[in-house]
Protein backbone atom coordinates (compact mmCIF):
# COMPACT_ATOMS: atom_id res chain seq x y z
CA MET A 1 84.70 101.01 90.33
CA MET A 2 81.67 103.27 92.48
CA SER A 3 79.31 101.39 89.88
CA LEU A 4 80.48 98.15 90.79
CA LEU A 5 80.16 98.98 94.74
CA ARG A 6 76.68 100.42 94.38
CA SER A 7 76.02 96.82 92.32
CA ILE A 8 77.42 95.04 94.91
CA ARG A 9 75.08 96.25 97.64
CA ARG A 10 72.22 95.96 95.31
CA THR A 11 73.26 92.16 94.89
CA LEU A 12 73.41 91.61 98.58
CA GLU A 13 70.19 93.39 99.58
CA THR A 14 68.02 92.04 97.09
CA SER A 15 66.65 88.69 96.50
CA SER A 16 66.88 86.55 93.00
CA GLN A 17 63.03 86.70 93.04
CA GLU A 18 63.01 90.46 92.87
CA ARG A 19 66.35 90.82 90.24
CA GLN A 20 65.26 90.75 86.68
CA GLN A 21 68.90 90.19 85.54
CA HIS A 22 71.76 88.90 87.05
CA GLU A 23 74.05 91.84 88.49
CA PRO A 24 77.95 92.21 88.30
CA ALA A 25 78.81 91.09 92.09
CA LEU A 26 76.82 87.95 91.36
CA ALA A 27 77.87 87.20 88.02
CA ILE A 28 81.18 87.45 88.68
CA ALA A 29 81.44 85.01 91.69
CA VAL A 30 79.37 82.59 89.18
CA LEU A 31 81.67 82.74 86.94
CA MET A 32 84.35 81.96 89.98
CA ILE A 33 82.14 78.80 91.21
CA GLU A 34 82.00 77.55 87.33
CA LEU A 35 85.54 77.80 87.26
CA MET A 36 86.27 75.74 90.23
CA ARG A 37 83.61 73.12 89.28
CA MET A 38 85.47 72.62 86.10
CA ASP A 39 88.11 69.88 87.37
CA GLY A 40 85.23 67.85 89.20
CA HIS A 41 86.93 68.87 92.40
CA GLU A 42 86.04 71.80 94.85
CA HIS A 43 89.59 71.85 96.36
CA ASP A 44 89.42 73.87 99.97
CA CYS A 45 92.57 76.10 98.48
CA GLU A 46 90.40 77.02 95.46
CA LEU A 47 87.39 78.19 98.09
CA THR A 48 90.09 79.72 100.19
CA ARG A 49 91.67 81.80 97.29
CA LEU A 50 87.55 82.46 96.09
CA ARG A 51 86.85 84.21 99.24
CA SER A 52 89.71 86.32 99.21
CA LEU A 53 89.38 87.11 95.68
CA LEU A 54 85.99 88.11 96.26
CA GLN A 55 86.90 90.08 99.33
CA GLN A 56 89.46 92.35 97.09
CA ARG A 57 87.56 92.34 94.09
CA LEU A 58 84.51 93.79 95.63
CA GLY A 59 85.13 95.04 98.96
CA LEU A 60 83.29 92.57 101.01
CA ASP A 61 83.44 91.82 104.52
CA ASP A 62 83.37 87.83 105.30
CA MET A 63 79.70 87.75 106.24
CA GLN A 64 78.91 89.37 102.83
CA VAL A 65 81.22 86.91 100.62
CA HIS A 66 79.69 83.87 102.35
CA LYS A 67 76.08 85.46 101.35
CA LEU A 68 77.10 86.03 98.09
CA ILE A 69 78.88 82.67 97.65
CA GLU A 70 75.68 80.78 98.71
CA ARG A 71 73.49 82.87 96.06
CA ALA A 72 76.14 82.25 93.40
CA ARG A 73 76.21 78.96 93.78
CA HIS A 74 72.34 78.30 93.96
CA GLU A 75 72.35 80.54 90.48
CA ALA A 76 75.13 78.27 89.17
CA ASN A 77 73.06 74.86 89.72
CA MET A 78 70.30 77.29 88.23
CA ALA A 79 71.70 78.20 85.16
CA LEU A 80 72.11 76.69 81.29
CA ASP A 81 74.82 78.83 80.42
CA ILE A 82 77.37 81.59 81.08
CA GLN A 83 76.60 84.11 78.51
CA GLN A 84 73.59 85.58 81.27
CA PHE A 85 76.46 86.33 83.60
CA THR A 86 79.22 87.45 80.93
CA ARG A 87 76.48 89.82 79.83
CA ALA A 88 75.80 91.33 83.46
CA ILE A 89 79.48 91.88 83.37
CA VAL A 90 80.17 93.75 80.14
CA ALA A 91 77.15 95.71 80.77
CA GLU A 92 78.51 97.20 84.06
CA LEU A 93 82.37 96.55 83.76
CA ASN A 94 85.04 98.61 81.86
CA THR A 95 87.57 96.72 79.89
CA GLU A 96 90.45 97.16 82.56
CA GLU A 97 87.95 95.92 84.99
CA ARG A 98 87.11 93.24 82.75
CA ILE A 99 90.61 92.25 82.36
CA GLY A 100 91.26 92.29 86.12
CA MET A 101 88.59 90.06 86.65
CA LEU A 102 89.60 87.64 84.22
CA ALA A 103 93.23 87.79 86.29
CA ASP A 104 91.42 86.78 89.16
CA LEU A 105 89.95 83.94 87.63
CA TRP A 106 93.26 82.89 86.31
CA ARG A 107 94.25 83.16 89.90
CA LEU A 108 91.26 81.08 90.75
CA ALA A 109 92.40 78.51 88.35
CA TRP A 110 95.65 78.15 89.74
CA ALA A 111 94.55 77.87 93.40
CA ASP A 112 95.21 73.99 93.88
CA GLN A 113 98.83 74.29 91.36
CA HIS A 114 97.46 72.29 88.58
CA LEU A 115 95.74 74.18 85.50
CA ASP A 116 93.17 71.58 84.05
CA PRO A 117 92.53 71.66 80.30
CA GLN A 118 88.92 72.15 80.74
CA GLU A 119 89.67 75.44 83.52
CA GLU A 120 92.03 76.79 80.72
CA GLN A 121 89.02 76.29 77.96
CA LEU A 122 86.20 77.97 80.20
CA LEU A 123 88.67 80.99 81.01
CA ARG A 124 89.10 81.29 77.03
CA ARG A 125 85.22 81.24 76.64
CA ILE A 126 84.90 83.51 79.32
CA GLY A 127 87.62 86.31 77.86
CA GLU A 128 85.78 85.95 74.17
CA LEU A 129 82.12 86.46 76.20
CA LEU A 130 83.49 89.34 77.86
CA GLY A 131 84.93 91.13 74.56
CA LEU A 132 88.50 90.68 75.23
CA SER A 133 90.89 90.59 72.08
CA HIS A 134 93.62 87.88 72.53
CA ARG A 135 96.06 90.01 73.47
CA GLN A 136 93.95 91.17 76.44
CA PHE A 137 93.55 87.69 77.32
CA ILE A 138 97.27 87.18 77.37
CA GLN A 139 97.67 90.18 79.47
CA ALA A 140 95.25 89.46 82.13
CA LYS A 141 96.87 85.61 82.48
CA LEU A 142 100.34 87.56 82.72
CA THR A 143 99.06 89.91 85.01
CA ALA A 144 97.55 86.83 87.68
CA ASP A 145 100.95 84.99 87.37
CA SER A 146 102.69 87.91 88.52
């Protein structure tokens, strides 16, 4: 967890030109942005949940969350795929942290009270890229539901 907090500080303090690879905090935010966009609509309830999840997961204040979301939107717009982001997460987070992060993604997917098939497909792909087993994927889904 301490390594994640250090990485958050680096993410917020450095510009995208200074980074050679995506750091976990930014990578998590990008995956959340991509998930929000999957159904073709960004609902206010999803944005509210996104902010809340980032504050809880990363321990950020409102201004830091705002800056992180703006950077994540930019990175998501520039990205060709999500593998670069999942690689950054796998490199820094242990399995339990990755399961917790996937549970947060499930919570975000359900923020609008509707799970779009494309959202579920992206969640499955992210789970695979994070190196999680099917059992761990289900564990994250059930954790988010409770």
